[in-house]
Amino acid sequence: MGSLQFPSDTPYELAFERSFYIGSYITAILYGVQLFMFFLSTYFLLYSSTDARKESYFYITYGTVMLTLWTIALSCNAVFGQLVWIDHRDVVGGPAAYLSANIASWYNTLGTVTGICMNFMADGLMLYRAYIIWGSSWKIVALPVVLYFGAMSMSILLIYESAIPGASFFIGQSVSFGVPYFWMTISLNIITTALICVRLLAVRNRVRTILGEQYCHTYTGVVAVMLESALPFTVLGIIYVYFYARNSPYSFAFLQIWGDFCAISPQLIILRVAMGKAWSKNTVASVSVLVFDHRAAQKGRIHESGNFELGVTLPHADSRATETTTIDTPSTKSQAMAV
């Protein structure tokens, strides 16, 4: 027997349905990954030091909100899939007709809103990370902030147009607002990713020159740079916008996967924060200031344990702090760096 096809199922409609189906399965797998990372991060954050407890509560709350939004979006897609392929598969025109007629339903609009909220939460965290890694400089993130609010205005128009009965998120007037929105948010991601990567790679070269390759991995290794800059999130966004602008039937699958990484990339950063491997204000201050030569070494003190203590003035602060680093041969080593 040949495969059963409904009369109105054009090649485009069949490709769109396959895209919906495959994207939903991949999303379910990534949702499980998100759950694992969320609970692991929460465990580490709850048992963090008292001094870091306030920041821990922020990251736990952020992760909880992001997971809740993703759960709503995933549920909306699951309900729509059930209605399309199970409950109303016998409508005139088949699943493709039902999908086209109900893509602007309230549950799909709710899923769109939660997905866009996830995107802006992810972009907000990216802006904050770029701001921190560049030493709390507002000038560095000025342009991304403008793009952030520009994308927000376009997203409101996109939601309005796609929620009109009979409208679609993927065709018609919605695309006129959707393309600028996605290009703005992707441009923001590209800029913040580039800013973070440039900063971390510059620090990596600086550390490697002074201390060697073995000291570069925790904060400036390849994995660290990819995660801190949310590089997978940005790359997936570029791929999705390409297919969306071309009105490709496969754009929905990439939309779902990109939306997944709106939550996964921030959660990976939170997990690094919870494990003490992410960049913080203290890390930036240490890397920026704690480079010294033999003249600075004369001002330091060498403990019996072999640790070298150096008093330095942290940037943007009036107080002084000390950092320690182990040196192999205190009598002969002329350069070192504490990170």
C-alpha atoms as a PDB file:
ATOM      1  CA  MET A   1       0.000   0.000   0.000  1.00  0.00           C
ATOM      2  CA  GLY A   2       1.159   3.518  -0.727  1.00  0.00           C
ATOM      3  CA  SER A   3       1.402   6.192   1.930  1.00  0.00           C
ATOM      4  CA  LEU A   4      -1.843   7.986   2.799  1.00  0.00           C
ATOM      5  CA  GLN A   5      -1.842  11.702   1.942  1.00  0.00           C
ATOM      6  CA  PHE A   6      -4.624  14.221   2.208  1.00  0.00           C
ATOM      7  CA  PRO A   7      -5.556  15.992  -1.038  1.00  0.00           C
ATOM      8  CA  SER A   8      -4.459  19.426   0.171  1.00  0.00           C
ATOM      9  CA  ASP A   9      -1.113  18.307   1.581  1.00  0.00           C
ATOM     10  CA  THR A  10       1.267  20.126  -0.714  1.00  0.00           C
ATOM     11  CA  PRO A  11       5.016  19.435  -0.523  1.00  0.00           C
ATOM     12  CA  TYR A  12       5.415  22.688   1.430  1.00  0.00           C
ATOM     13  CA  GLU A  13       2.747  21.687   3.965  1.00  0.00           C
ATOM     14  CA  LEU A  14       4.208  18.214   4.422  1.00  0.00           C
ATOM     15  CA  ALA A  15       7.682  19.687   4.949  1.00  0.00           C
ATOM     16  CA  PHE A  16       6.283  22.137   7.517  1.00  0.00           C
ATOM     17  CA  GLU A  17       4.551  19.324   9.409  1.00  0.00           C
ATOM     18  CA  ARG A  18       7.745  17.261   9.423  1.00  0.00           C
ATOM     19  CA  SER A  19       9.611  20.321  10.675  1.00  0.00           C
ATOM     20  CA  PHE A  20       7.087  20.760  13.485  1.00  0.00           C
ATOM     21  CA  TYR A  21       7.274  17.077  14.421  1.00  0.00           C
ATOM     22  CA  ILE A  22      11.070  16.731  14.375  1.00  0.00           C
ATOM     23  CA  GLY A  23      11.598  20.034  16.181  1.00  0.00           C
ATOM     24  CA  SER A  24       9.211  18.946  18.933  1.00  0.00           C
ATOM     25  CA  TYR A  25      11.142  15.728  19.531  1.00  0.00           C
ATOM     26  CA  ILE A  26      14.492  17.504  19.678  1.00  0.00           C
ATOM     27  CA  THR A  27      12.961  20.061  22.049  1.00  0.00           C
ATOM     28  CA  ALA A  28      11.769  17.266  24.368  1.00  0.00           C
ATOM     29  CA  ILE A  29      15.328  15.891  24.569  1.00  0.00           C
ATOM     30  CA  LEU A  30      16.836  19.317  25.238  1.00  0.00           C
ATOM     31  CA  TYR A  31      14.160  20.011  27.859  1.00  0.00           C
ATOM     32  CA  GLY A  32      15.433  16.989  29.787  1.00  0.00           C
ATOM     33  CA  VAL A  33      18.976  18.398  29.581  1.00  0.00           C
ATOM     34  CA  GLN A  34      17.667  21.711  30.902  1.00  0.00           C
ATOM     35  CA  LEU A  35      15.955  20.023  33.845  1.00  0.00           C
ATOM     36  CA  PHE A  36      19.174  18.246  34.827  1.00  0.00           C
ATOM     37  CA  MET A  37      21.265  21.422  34.622  1.00  0.00           C
ATOM     38  CA  PHE A  38      18.657  23.447  36.524  1.00  0.00           C
ATOM     39  CA  PHE A  39      18.495  21.068  39.488  1.00  0.00           C
ATOM     40  CA  LEU A  40      22.280  20.617  39.547  1.00  0.00           C
ATOM     41  CA  SER A  41      22.808  24.397  39.468  1.00  0.00           C
ATOM     42  CA  THR A  42      20.215  24.919  42.198  1.00  0.00           C
ATOM     43  CA  TYR A  43      21.907  22.318  44.388  1.00  0.00           C
ATOM     44  CA  PHE A  44      25.306  24.013  44.081  1.00  0.00           C
ATOM     45  CA  LEU A  45      23.856  27.501  44.564  1.00  0.00           C
ATOM     46  CA  LEU A  46      21.883  26.567  47.673  1.00  0.00           C
ATOM     47  CA  TYR A  47      25.071  25.253  49.285  1.00  0.00           C
ATOM     48  CA  SER A  48      27.176  28.242  48.265  1.00  0.00           C
ATOM     49  CA  SER A  49      28.897  30.471  50.787  1.00  0.00           C
ATOM     50  CA  THR A  50      26.881  32.963  52.817  1.00  0.00           C
ATOM     51  CA  ASP A  51      28.567  35.895  51.052  1.00  0.00           C
ATOM     52  CA  ALA A  52      27.362  34.681  47.665  1.00  0.00           C
ATOM     53  CA  ARG A  53      23.856  33.749  48.838  1.00  0.00           C
ATOM     54  CA  LYS A  54      22.184  36.907  47.499  1.00  0.00           C
ATOM     55  CA  GLU A  55      23.580  36.330  43.995  1.00  0.00           C
ATOM     56  CA  SER A  56      22.648  32.649  44.273  1.00  0.00           C
ATOM     57  CA  TYR A  57      18.998  33.507  44.900  1.00  0.00           C
ATOM     58  CA  PHE A  58      19.000  35.711  41.794  1.00  0.00           C
ATOM     59  CA  TYR A  59      20.320  32.904  39.588  1.00  0.00           C
ATOM     60  CA  ILE A  60      17.917  30.359  41.105  1.00  0.00           C
ATOM     61  CA  THR A  61      14.988  32.700  40.465  1.00  0.00           C
ATOM     62  CA  TYR A  62      16.199  33.408  36.936  1.00  0.00           C
ATOM     63  CA  GLY A  63      16.528  29.696  36.184  1.00  0.00           C
ATOM     64  CA  THR A  64      13.112  28.950  37.660  1.00  0.00           C
ATOM     65  CA  VAL A  65      11.395  31.619  35.558  1.00  0.00           C
ATOM     66  CA  MET A  66      13.187  30.439  32.421  1.00  0.00           C
ATOM     67  CA  LEU A  67      12.230  26.807  33.074  1.00  0.00           C
ATOM     68  CA  THR A  68       8.594  27.818  33.708  1.00  0.00           C
ATOM     69  CA  LEU A  69       8.434  29.758  30.440  1.00  0.00           C
ATOM     70  CA  TRP A  70       9.936  26.849  28.517  1.00  0.00           C
ATOM     71  CA  THR A  71       7.444  24.427  30.128  1.00  0.00           C
ATOM     72  CA  ILE A  72       4.552  26.622  28.978  1.00  0.00           C
ATOM     73  CA  ALA A  73       5.923  26.915  25.431  1.00  0.00           C
ATOM     74  CA  LEU A  74       6.579  23.163  25.237  1.00  0.00           C
ATOM     75  CA  SER A  75       3.078  22.392  26.527  1.00  0.00           C
ATOM     76  CA  CYS A  76       1.473  24.698  23.953  1.00  0.00           C
ATOM     77  CA  ASN A  77       3.313  22.964  21.107  1.00  0.00           C
ATOM     78  CA  ALA A  78       2.391  19.537  22.494  1.00  0.00           C
ATOM     79  CA  VAL A  79      -1.298  20.464  22.721  1.00  0.00           C
ATOM     80  CA  PHE A  80      -1.280  21.886  19.195  1.00  0.00           C
ATOM     81  CA  GLY A  81       0.385  18.751  17.830  1.00  0.00           C
ATOM     82  CA  GLN A  82      -2.253  16.567  19.504  1.00  0.00           C
ATOM     83  CA  LEU A  83      -5.061  18.655  18.035  1.00  0.00           C
ATOM     84  CA  VAL A  84      -3.523  18.648  14.543  1.00  0.00           C
ATOM     85  CA  TRP A  85      -2.604  14.975  14.186  1.00  0.00           C
ATOM     86  CA  ILE A  86      -4.976  13.168  16.574  1.00  0.00           C
ATOM     87  CA  ASP A  87      -8.103  15.028  17.651  1.00  0.00           C
ATOM     88  CA  HIS A  88      -8.871  16.817  14.366  1.00  0.00           C
ATOM     89  CA  ARG A  89      -7.082  14.770  11.738  1.00  0.00           C
ATOM     90  CA  ASP A  90     -10.423  14.086  10.018  1.00  0.00           C
ATOM     91  CA  VAL A  91     -11.273  17.715   9.221  1.00  0.00           C
ATOM     92  CA  VAL A  92     -11.771  18.681   5.601  1.00  0.00           C
ATOM     93  CA  GLY A  93      -8.321  19.206   4.126  1.00  0.00           C
ATOM     94  CA  GLY A  94      -6.607  17.090   6.782  1.00  0.00           C
ATOM     95  CA  PRO A  95      -3.996  18.149   9.379  1.00  0.00           C
ATOM     96  CA  ALA A  96      -2.490  20.749   7.080  1.00  0.00           C
ATOM     97  CA  ALA A  97      -5.823  22.583   6.820  1.00  0.00           C
ATOM     98  CA  TYR A  98      -6.395  22.461  10.581  1.00  0.00           C
ATOM     99  CA  LEU A  99      -2.835  23.658  11.245  1.00  0.00           C
ATOM    100  CA  SER A 100      -3.199  26.580   8.873  1.00  0.00           C
ATOM    101  CA  ALA A 101      -6.609  27.595  10.276  1.00  0.00           C
ATOM    102  CA  ASN A 102      -5.585  27.443  13.945  1.00  0.00           C
ATOM    103  CA  ILE A 103      -1.967  28.573  14.000  1.00  0.00           C
ATOM    104  CA  ALA A 104      -3.120  31.906  15.468  1.00  0.00           C
ATOM    105  CA  SER A 105      -5.083  30.237  18.296  1.00  0.00           C
ATOM    106  CA  TRP A 106      -4.651  31.551  21.826  1.00  0.00           C
ATOM    107  CA  TYR A 107      -2.428  28.664  22.936  1.00  0.00           C
ATOM    108  CA  ASN A 108      -0.077  29.253  20.004  1.00  0.00           C
ATOM    109  CA  THR A 109      -0.015  32.968  20.799  1.00  0.00           C
ATOM    110  CA  LEU A 110       0.797  32.087  24.409  1.00  0.00           C
ATOM    111  CA  GLY A 111       3.626  29.863  23.206  1.00  0.00           C
ATOM    112  CA  THR A 112       4.945  32.681  21.022  1.00  0.00           C
ATOM    113  CA  VAL A 113       4.861  35.145  23.921  1.00  0.00           C
ATOM    114  CA  THR A 114       6.683  32.794  26.295  1.00  0.00           C
ATOM    115  CA  GLY A 115       9.292  32.040  23.627  1.00  0.00           C
ATOM    116  CA  ILE A 116       9.956  35.730  23.037  1.00  0.00           C
ATOM    117  CA  CYS A 117      10.159  36.323  26.800  1.00  0.00           C
ATOM    118  CA  MET A 118      12.783  33.558  27.004  1.00  0.00           C
ATOM    119  CA  ASN A 119      14.719  35.254  24.234  1.00  0.00           C
ATOM    120  CA  PHE A 120      14.755  38.608  26.014  1.00  0.00           C
ATOM    121  CA  MET A 121      15.780  37.008  29.288  1.00  0.00           C
ATOM    122  CA  ALA A 122      18.669  35.274  27.485  1.00  0.00           C
ATOM    123  CA  ASP A 123      19.677  38.509  25.737  1.00  0.00           C
ATOM    124  CA  GLY A 124      19.497  40.388  29.036  1.00  0.00           C
ATOM    125  CA  LEU A 125      21.863  37.923  30.687  1.00  0.00           C
ATOM    126  CA  MET A 126      24.217  38.167  27.707  1.00  0.00           C
ATOM    127  CA  LEU A 127      24.282  41.955  28.061  1.00  0.00           C
ATOM    128  CA  TYR A 128      24.996  41.634  31.758  1.00  0.00           C
ATOM    129  CA  ARG A 129      27.823  39.147  31.162  1.00  0.00           C
ATOM    130  CA  ALA A 130      29.404  41.398  28.521  1.00  0.00           C
ATOM    131  CA  TYR A 131      29.113  44.319  30.932  1.00  0.00           C
ATOM    132  CA  ILE A 132      30.814  42.337  33.712  1.00  0.00           C
ATOM    133  CA  ILE A 133      33.566  40.816  31.574  1.00  0.00           C
ATOM    134  CA  TRP A 134      34.457  44.244  30.175  1.00  0.00           C
ATOM    135  CA  GLY A 135      34.976  45.655  33.653  1.00  0.00           C
ATOM    136  CA  SER A 136      31.483  47.140  34.170  1.00  0.00           C
ATOM    137  CA  SER A 137      31.783  49.551  31.251  1.00  0.00           C
ATOM    138  CA  TRP A 138      28.456  50.906  29.983  1.00  0.00           C
ATOM    139  CA  LYS A 139      30.099  52.301  26.841  1.00  0.00           C
ATOM    140  CA  ILE A 140      30.868  48.777  25.670  1.00  0.00           C
ATOM    141  CA  VAL A 141      27.232  47.606  25.831  1.00  0.00           C
ATOM    142  CA  ALA A 142      25.571  50.855  24.647  1.00  0.00           C
ATOM    143  CA  LEU A 143      24.861  49.645  21.102  1.00  0.00           C
ATOM    144  CA  PRO A 144      23.586  46.200  22.184  1.00  0.00           C
ATOM    145  CA  VAL A 145      21.233  47.898  24.664  1.00  0.00           C
ATOM    146  CA  VAL A 146      19.764  50.017  21.837  1.00  0.00           C
ATOM    147  CA  LEU A 147      19.271  46.863  19.746  1.00  0.00           C
ATOM    148  CA  TYR A 148      17.705  45.152  22.761  1.00  0.00           C
ATOM    149  CA  PHE A 149      14.932  47.720  23.083  1.00  0.00           C
ATOM    150  CA  GLY A 150      14.531  47.964  19.300  1.00  0.00           C
ATOM    151  CA  ALA A 151      13.977  44.214  19.100  1.00  0.00           C
ATOM    152  CA  MET A 152      11.517  44.435  21.973  1.00  0.00           C
ATOM    153  CA  SER A 153       9.370  46.950  20.087  1.00  0.00           C
ATOM    154  CA  MET A 154       9.413  44.787  16.943  1.00  0.00           C
ATOM    155  CA  SER A 155       8.467  41.703  18.958  1.00  0.00           C
ATOM    156  CA  ILE A 156       5.349  43.432  20.308  1.00  0.00           C
ATOM    157  CA  LEU A 157       4.219  44.197  16.752  1.00  0.00           C
ATOM    158  CA  LEU A 158       5.067  40.637  15.694  1.00  0.00           C
ATOM    159  CA  ILE A 159       2.942  39.153  18.487  1.00  0.00           C
ATOM    160  CA  TYR A 160       0.034  41.447  17.605  1.00  0.00           C
ATOM    161  CA  GLU A 161       0.116  40.604  13.893  1.00  0.00           C
ATOM    162  CA  SER A 162       0.514  36.849  14.425  1.00  0.00           C
ATOM    163  CA  ALA A 163      -2.382  36.757  16.936  1.00  0.00           C
ATOM    164  CA  ILE A 164      -4.956  38.147  14.472  1.00  0.00           C
ATOM    165  CA  PRO A 165      -7.441  35.389  13.507  1.00  0.00           C
ATOM    166  CA  GLY A 166      -6.379  33.791  10.247  1.00  0.00           C
ATOM    167  CA  ALA A 167      -2.853  35.215  10.478  1.00  0.00           C
ATOM    168  CA  SER A 168       0.353  33.176  10.700  1.00  0.00           C
ATOM    169  CA  PHE A 169       3.662  33.678  12.453  1.00  0.00           C
ATOM    170  CA  PHE A 170       5.485  32.370   9.366  1.00  0.00           C
ATOM    171  CA  ILE A 171       3.784  34.105   6.430  1.00  0.00           C
ATOM    172  CA  GLY A 172       2.095  37.393   5.577  1.00  0.00           C
ATOM    173  CA  GLN A 173       2.362  40.667   7.484  1.00  0.00           C
ATOM    174  CA  SER A 174       3.864  38.970  10.542  1.00  0.00           C
ATOM    175  CA  VAL A 175       7.083  38.308   8.627  1.00  0.00           C
ATOM    176  CA  SER A 176       7.429  42.055   7.950  1.00  0.00           C
ATOM    177  CA  PHE A 177       7.892  42.551  11.704  1.00  0.00           C
ATOM    178  CA  GLY A 178       9.410  39.169  12.403  1.00  0.00           C
ATOM    179  CA  VAL A 179      12.445  39.583  10.143  1.00  0.00           C
ATOM    180  CA  PRO A 180      13.512  42.959  11.707  1.00  0.00           C
ATOM    181  CA  TYR A 181      12.916  41.540  15.187  1.00  0.00           C
ATOM    182  CA  PHE A 182      15.033  38.475  14.582  1.00  0.00           C
ATOM    183  CA  TRP A 183      17.785  40.399  12.809  1.00  0.00           C
ATOM    184  CA  MET A 184      17.951  42.861  15.712  1.00  0.00           C
ATOM    185  CA  THR A 185      18.124  40.172  18.357  1.00  0.00           C
ATOM    186  CA  ILE A 186      20.640  38.142  16.322  1.00  0.00           C
ATOM    187  CA  SER A 187      22.744  41.267  15.737  1.00  0.00           C
ATOM    188  CA  LEU A 188      22.679  41.841  19.482  1.00  0.00           C
ATOM    189  CA  ASN A 189      23.820  38.247  20.026  1.00  0.00           C
ATOM    190  CA  ILE A 190      26.603  38.587  17.441  1.00  0.00           C
ATOM    191  CA  ILE A 191      27.891  41.799  19.008  1.00  0.00           C
ATOM    192  CA  THR A 192      27.784  40.556  22.606  1.00  0.00           C
ATOM    193  CA  THR A 193      29.296  37.213  21.594  1.00  0.00           C
ATOM    194  CA  ALA A 194      32.103  38.998  19.738  1.00  0.00           C
ATOM    195  CA  LEU A 195      32.715  41.344  22.682  1.00  0.00           C
ATOM    196  CA  ILE A 196      32.945  38.477  25.147  1.00  0.00           C
ATOM    197  CA  CYS A 197      35.084  36.304  22.863  1.00  0.00           C
ATOM    198  CA  VAL A 198      37.519  39.136  22.096  1.00  0.00           C
ATOM    199  CA  ARG A 199      37.881  39.954  25.771  1.00  0.00           C
ATOM    200  CA  LEU A 200      38.415  36.339  26.862  1.00  0.00           C
ATOM    201  CA  LEU A 201      40.826  35.518  24.047  1.00  0.00           C
ATOM    202  CA  ALA A 202      42.851  38.654  24.824  1.00  0.00           C
ATOM    203  CA  VAL A 203      43.044  37.596  28.459  1.00  0.00           C
ATOM    204  CA  ARG A 204      43.971  34.069  27.382  1.00  0.00           C
ATOM    205  CA  ASN A 205      46.936  35.321  25.365  1.00  0.00           C
ATOM    206  CA  ARG A 206      47.988  37.517  28.248  1.00  0.00           C
ATOM    207  CA  VAL A 207      47.851  34.677  30.772  1.00  0.00           C
ATOM    208  CA  ARG A 208      49.574  32.207  28.425  1.00  0.00           C
ATOM    209  CA  THR A 209      52.423  34.637  27.771  1.00  0.00           C
ATOM    210  CA  ILE A 210      53.110  35.087  31.475  1.00  0.00           C
ATOM    211  CA  LEU A 211      52.210  31.765  33.088  1.00  0.00           C
ATOM    212  CA  GLY A 212      51.894  29.239  30.289  1.00  0.00           C
ATOM    213  CA  GLU A 213      49.105  27.177  28.736  1.00  0.00           C
ATOM    214  CA  GLN A 214      48.220  25.227  31.892  1.00  0.00           C
ATOM    215  CA  TYR A 215      46.710  28.302  33.562  1.00  0.00           C
ATOM    216  CA  CYS A 216      44.379  29.200  30.684  1.00  0.00           C
ATOM    217  CA  HIS A 217      41.705  26.538  30.848  1.00  0.00           C
ATOM    218  CA  THR A 218      39.325  27.431  33.678  1.00  0.00           C
ATOM    219  CA  TYR A 219      38.335  30.921  32.559  1.00  0.00           C
ATOM    220  CA  THR A 220      39.695  31.267  29.016  1.00  0.00           C
ATOM    221  CA  GLY A 221      39.752  27.775  27.507  1.00  0.00           C
ATOM    222  CA  VAL A 222      37.865  26.974  24.305  1.00  0.00           C
ATOM    223  CA  VAL A 223      34.875  25.555  26.201  1.00  0.00           C
ATOM    224  CA  ALA A 224      34.849  28.504  28.591  1.00  0.00           C
ATOM    225  CA  VAL A 225      34.824  31.005  25.731  1.00  0.00           C
ATOM    226  CA  MET A 226      32.012  29.155  23.923  1.00  0.00           C
ATOM    227  CA  LEU A 227      29.815  28.924  27.009  1.00  0.00           C
ATOM    228  CA  GLU A 228      30.471  32.413  28.380  1.00  0.00           C
ATOM    229  CA  SER A 229      29.690  33.956  24.998  1.00  0.00           C
ATOM    230  CA  ALA A 230      26.677  31.665  24.330  1.00  0.00           C
ATOM    231  CA  LEU A 231      28.162  30.941  20.906  1.00  0.00           C
ATOM    232  CA  PRO A 232      25.834  27.986  20.066  1.00  0.00           C
ATOM    233  CA  PHE A 233      22.814  30.203  20.779  1.00  0.00           C
ATOM    234  CA  THR A 234      24.078  32.865  18.377  1.00  0.00           C
ATOM    235  CA  VAL A 235      24.959  30.405  15.597  1.00  0.00           C
ATOM    236  CA  LEU A 236      21.551  28.705  15.788  1.00  0.00           C
ATOM    237  CA  GLY A 237      19.877  32.120  15.671  1.00  0.00           C
ATOM    238  CA  ILE A 238      21.703  33.014  12.453  1.00  0.00           C
ATOM    239  CA  ILE A 239      20.661  29.716  10.861  1.00  0.00           C
ATOM    240  CA  TYR A 240      17.049  30.194  11.896  1.00  0.00           C
ATOM    241  CA  VAL A 241      16.806  33.779  10.592  1.00  0.00           C
ATOM    242  CA  TYR A 242      18.207  32.607   7.247  1.00  0.00           C
ATOM    243  CA  PHE A 243      15.457  30.002   6.818  1.00  0.00           C
ATOM    244  CA  TYR A 244      12.741  32.283   8.254  1.00  0.00           C
ATOM    245  CA  ALA A 245      13.552  35.140   5.876  1.00  0.00           C
ATOM    246  CA  ARG A 246      13.400  32.696   2.946  1.00  0.00           C
ATOM    247  CA  ASN A 247       9.976  31.433   4.109  1.00  0.00           C
ATOM    248  CA  SER A 248      11.364  27.913   4.351  1.00  0.00           C
ATOM    249  CA  PRO A 249       9.024  25.182   5.680  1.00  0.00           C
ATOM    250  CA  TYR A 250      11.901  23.969   7.847  1.00  0.00           C
ATOM    251  CA  SER A 251      12.152  27.246   9.728  1.00  0.00           C
ATOM    252  CA  PHE A 252       9.844  26.010  12.489  1.00  0.00           C
ATOM    253  CA  ALA A 253      12.253  23.243  13.509  1.00  0.00           C
ATOM    254  CA  PHE A 254      15.112  25.729  13.770  1.00  0.00           C
ATOM    255  CA  LEU A 255      12.839  28.139  15.648  1.00  0.00           C
ATOM    256  CA  GLN A 256      12.114  25.478  18.269  1.00  0.00           C
ATOM    257  CA  ILE A 257      15.777  24.511  18.664  1.00  0.00           C
ATOM    258  CA  TRP A 258      16.911  28.153  18.813  1.00  0.00           C
ATOM    259  CA  GLY A 259      14.190  28.810  21.375  1.00  0.00           C
ATOM    260  CA  ASP A 260      15.508  25.868  23.392  1.00  0.00           C
ATOM    261  CA  PHE A 261      18.943  27.449  23.539  1.00  0.00           C
ATOM    262  CA  CYS A 262      17.357  30.680  24.796  1.00  0.00           C
ATOM    263  CA  ALA A 263      17.091  28.703  28.032  1.00  0.00           C
ATOM    264  CA  ILE A 264      20.002  26.260  27.730  1.00  0.00           C
ATOM    265  CA  SER A 265      22.765  28.819  27.100  1.00  0.00           C
ATOM    266  CA  PRO A 266      21.908  30.965  30.174  1.00  0.00           C
ATOM    267  CA  GLN A 267      21.540  27.819  32.284  1.00  0.00           C
ATOM    268  CA  LEU A 268      25.012  26.665  31.212  1.00  0.00           C
ATOM    269  CA  ILE A 269      26.381  30.021  32.385  1.00  0.00           C
ATOM    270  CA  ILE A 270      24.470  29.691  35.674  1.00  0.00           C
ATOM    271  CA  LEU A 271      25.915  26.207  36.139  1.00  0.00           C
ATOM    272  CA  ARG A 272      29.411  27.604  35.646  1.00  0.00           C
ATOM    273  CA  VAL A 273      28.611  30.315  38.193  1.00  0.00           C
ATOM    274  CA  ALA A 274      27.371  27.683  40.638  1.00  0.00           C
ATOM    275  CA  MET A 275      30.559  25.645  40.143  1.00  0.00           C
ATOM    276  CA  GLY A 276      32.751  28.722  40.585  1.00  0.00           C
ATOM    277  CA  LYS A 277      34.099  28.621  37.020  1.00  0.00           C
ATOM    278  CA  ALA A 278      32.288  31.601  35.499  1.00  0.00           C
ATOM    279  CA  TRP A 279      33.623  35.103  35.152  1.00  0.00           C
ATOM    280  CA  SER A 280      32.661  37.495  37.927  1.00  0.00           C
ATOM    281  CA  LYS A 281      33.596  41.010  38.959  1.00  0.00           C
ATOM    282  CA  ASN A 282      36.351  39.573  41.144  1.00  0.00           C
ATOM    283  CA  THR A 283      37.740  37.542  38.244  1.00  0.00           C
ATOM    284  CA  VAL A 284      37.810  40.587  35.990  1.00  0.00           C
ATOM    285  CA  ALA A 285      39.482  42.665  38.692  1.00  0.00           C
ATOM    286  CA  SER A 286      42.134  40.007  39.294  1.00  0.00           C
ATOM    287  CA  VAL A 287      42.931  39.476  35.626  1.00  0.00           C
ATOM    288  CA  SER A 288      43.033  43.215  34.917  1.00  0.00           C
ATOM    289  CA  VAL A 289      45.277  44.188  37.816  1.00  0.00           C
ATOM    290  CA  LEU A 290      47.267  41.257  39.145  1.00  0.00           C
ATOM    291  CA  VAL A 291      50.093  41.253  36.619  1.00  0.00           C
ATOM    292  CA  PHE A 292      53.394  42.070  38.242  1.00  0.00           C
ATOM    293  CA  ASP A 293      57.099  41.933  37.568  1.00  0.00           C
ATOM    294  CA  HIS A 294      60.156  41.538  39.711  1.00  0.00           C
ATOM    295  CA  ARG A 295      59.806  45.086  41.080  1.00  0.00           C
ATOM    296  CA  ALA A 296      56.319  44.306  42.373  1.00  0.00           C
ATOM    297  CA  ALA A 297      57.594  41.021  43.756  1.00  0.00           C
ATOM    298  CA  GLN A 298      59.917  42.932  46.026  1.00  0.00           C
ATOM    299  CA  LYS A 299      56.857  44.457  47.700  1.00  0.00           C
ATOM    300  CA  GLY A 300      55.189  41.105  48.278  1.00  0.00           C
ATOM    301  CA  ARG A 301      55.638  38.475  50.944  1.00  0.00           C
ATOM    302  CA  ILE A 302      56.459  34.799  50.534  1.00  0.00           C
ATOM    303  CA  HIS A 303      54.849  32.506  53.067  1.00  0.00           C
ATOM    304  CA  GLU A 304      56.385  29.298  54.356  1.00  0.00           C
ATOM    305  CA  SER A 305      53.764  27.374  52.384  1.00  0.00           C
ATOM    306  CA  GLY A 306      55.220  28.704  49.123  1.00  0.00           C
ATOM    307  CA  ASN A 307      52.377  31.128  48.439  1.00  0.00           C
ATOM    308  CA  PHE A 308      53.163  34.625  47.303  1.00  0.00           C
ATOM    309  CA  GLU A 309      50.923  37.400  48.624  1.00  0.00           C
ATOM    310  CA  LEU A 310      50.609  40.678  46.781  1.00  0.00           C
ATOM    311  CA  GLY A 311      48.642  43.741  47.866  1.00  0.00           C
ATOM    312  CA  VAL A 312      46.877  45.440  44.994  1.00  0.00           C
ATOM    313  CA  THR A 313      44.234  48.070  44.471  1.00  0.00           C
ATOM    314  CA  LEU A 314      41.211  46.627  42.696  1.00  0.00           C
ATOM    315  CA  PRO A 315      39.737  48.711  39.870  1.00  0.00           C
ATOM    316  CA  HIS A 316      36.674  50.829  40.639  1.00  0.00           C
ATOM    317  CA  ALA A 317      37.255  50.426  44.373  1.00  0.00           C
ATOM    318  CA  ASP A 318      38.967  52.318  47.165  1.00  0.00           C
ATOM    319  CA  SER A 319      39.803  49.316  49.298  1.00  0.00           C
ATOM    320  CA  ARG A 320      42.788  47.049  48.913  1.00  0.00           C
ATOM    321  CA  ALA A 321      42.785  43.286  48.591  1.00  0.00           C
ATOM    322  CA  THR A 322      45.284  40.460  48.477  1.00  0.00           C
ATOM    323  CA  GLU A 323      45.542  37.540  46.104  1.00  0.00           C
ATOM    324  CA  THR A 324      47.772  34.494  46.491  1.00  0.00           C
ATOM    325  CA  THR A 325      49.395  32.316  43.907  1.00  0.00           C
ATOM    326  CA  THR A 326      51.807  29.423  44.263  1.00  0.00           C
ATOM    327  CA  ILE A 327      55.210  29.853  42.666  1.00  0.00           C
ATOM    328  CA  ASP A 328      57.671  27.056  42.136  1.00  0.00           C
ATOM    329  CA  THR A 329      60.950  28.873  42.794  1.00  0.00           C
ATOM    330  CA  PRO A 330      60.402  32.087  44.760  1.00  0.00           C
ATOM    331  CA  SER A 331      64.056  33.024  44.626  1.00  0.00           C
ATOM    332  CA  THR A 332      64.337  32.928  40.846  1.00  0.00           C
ATOM    333  CA  LYS A 333      60.888  33.432  39.375  1.00  0.00           C
ATOM    334  CA  SER A 334      60.608  37.039  38.226  1.00  0.00           C
ATOM    335  CA  GLN A 335      57.104  37.106  36.721  1.00  0.00           C
ATOM    336  CA  ALA A 336      53.754  35.647  37.746  1.00  0.00           C
ATOM    337  CA  MET A 337      50.078  36.359  37.545  1.00  0.00           C
ATOM    338  CA  ALA A 338      47.255  35.565  39.928  1.00  0.00           C
ATOM    339  CA  VAL A 339      43.935  34.702  38.351  1.00  0.00           C
END
